[in-house]
């Protein structure tokens, strides 16, 4: 399992902008596209039809330098 931090910003048909972020544990066959689709579905459920303005998904762990 690997933890990833995400940020998604959407705009509704009425021009309102909403941003969500959090950490998701990605395991097995869970892909970046799966995460995007899941988040888009959740934002659509909450706000109706939306357009994605921004999406980022990065490993949550900060790399340590030697």
Protein backbone atom coordinates (compact mmCIF):
# COMPACT_ATOMS: atom_id res chain seq x y z
CA UNK A 1 0.00 0.00 0.00
CA UNK A 2 1.25 3.48 -0.76
CA UNK A 3 -0.21 6.76 0.45
CA UNK A 4 -0.75 9.54 -2.10
CA UNK A 5 -1.89 13.12 -1.54
CA UNK A 6 -4.44 14.53 -3.99
CA UNK A 7 -5.85 17.95 -4.82
CA UNK A 8 -8.81 18.49 -7.14
CA UNK A 9 -10.42 21.82 -8.03
CA UNK A 10 -13.67 21.95 -9.97
CA UNK A 11 -16.03 24.63 -11.26
CA UNK A 12 -19.80 24.19 -11.30
CA UNK A 13 -22.14 25.28 -14.06
CA UNK A 14 -22.96 28.31 -11.89
CA UNK A 15 -19.32 29.37 -11.72
CA UNK A 16 -18.65 28.30 -8.15
CA UNK A 17 -15.22 26.82 -7.48
CA UNK A 18 -14.61 23.98 -5.02
CA UNK A 19 -11.34 22.35 -4.00
CA UNK A 20 -10.82 19.11 -2.11
CA UNK A 21 -7.66 17.42 -0.93
CA UNK A 22 -6.67 14.44 1.14
CA UNK A 23 -4.64 11.27 1.32
CA UNK A 24 -5.63 8.02 -0.37
CA UNK A 25 -3.99 4.64 0.11
CA UNK A 26 -3.41 3.15 -3.31
CA UNK A 27 -2.94 -0.59 -3.39
CA UNK A 28 -3.17 -3.44 -5.85
CA UNK A 29 -4.43 -2.42 -9.28
CA UNK A 30 -5.67 1.04 -8.18
CA UNK A 31 -4.40 3.52 -10.80
CA UNK A 32 -4.09 7.29 -11.13
CA UNK A 33 -7.07 7.18 -13.53
CA UNK A 34 -9.10 5.22 -10.94
CA UNK A 35 -8.35 7.86 -8.32
CA UNK A 36 -9.31 10.69 -10.70
CA UNK A 37 -12.59 8.97 -11.64
CA UNK A 38 -13.45 8.32 -7.99
CA UNK A 39 -12.78 11.93 -6.98
CA UNK A 40 -14.66 13.32 -9.98
CA UNK A 41 -17.64 11.12 -9.13
CA UNK A 42 -17.59 12.37 -5.53
CA UNK A 43 -17.33 16.03 -6.58
CA UNK A 44 -20.17 15.54 -9.08
CA UNK A 45 -22.29 13.91 -6.38
CA UNK A 46 -21.69 16.88 -4.08
CA UNK A 47 -21.93 19.75 -6.59
CA UNK A 48 -23.74 18.54 -9.71
CA UNK A 49 -22.13 18.78 -13.16
CA UNK A 50 -18.57 20.11 -12.80
CA UNK A 51 -15.54 20.88 -14.93
CA UNK A 52 -12.13 19.92 -13.54
CA UNK A 53 -9.78 22.90 -13.33
CA UNK A 54 -6.91 21.17 -11.53
CA UNK A 55 -5.92 17.66 -10.45
CA UNK A 56 -2.71 16.53 -8.76
CA UNK A 57 -1.78 13.17 -7.27
CA UNK A 58 1.66 12.68 -5.73
CA UNK A 59 3.26 10.23 -3.30
CA UNK A 60 2.57 11.52 0.22
CA UNK A 61 5.98 10.54 1.54
CA UNK A 62 8.69 13.16 1.12
CA UNK A 63 11.84 11.60 -0.28
CA UNK A 64 14.75 11.58 2.12
CA UNK A 65 18.13 12.63 0.83
CA UNK A 66 21.30 10.91 1.93
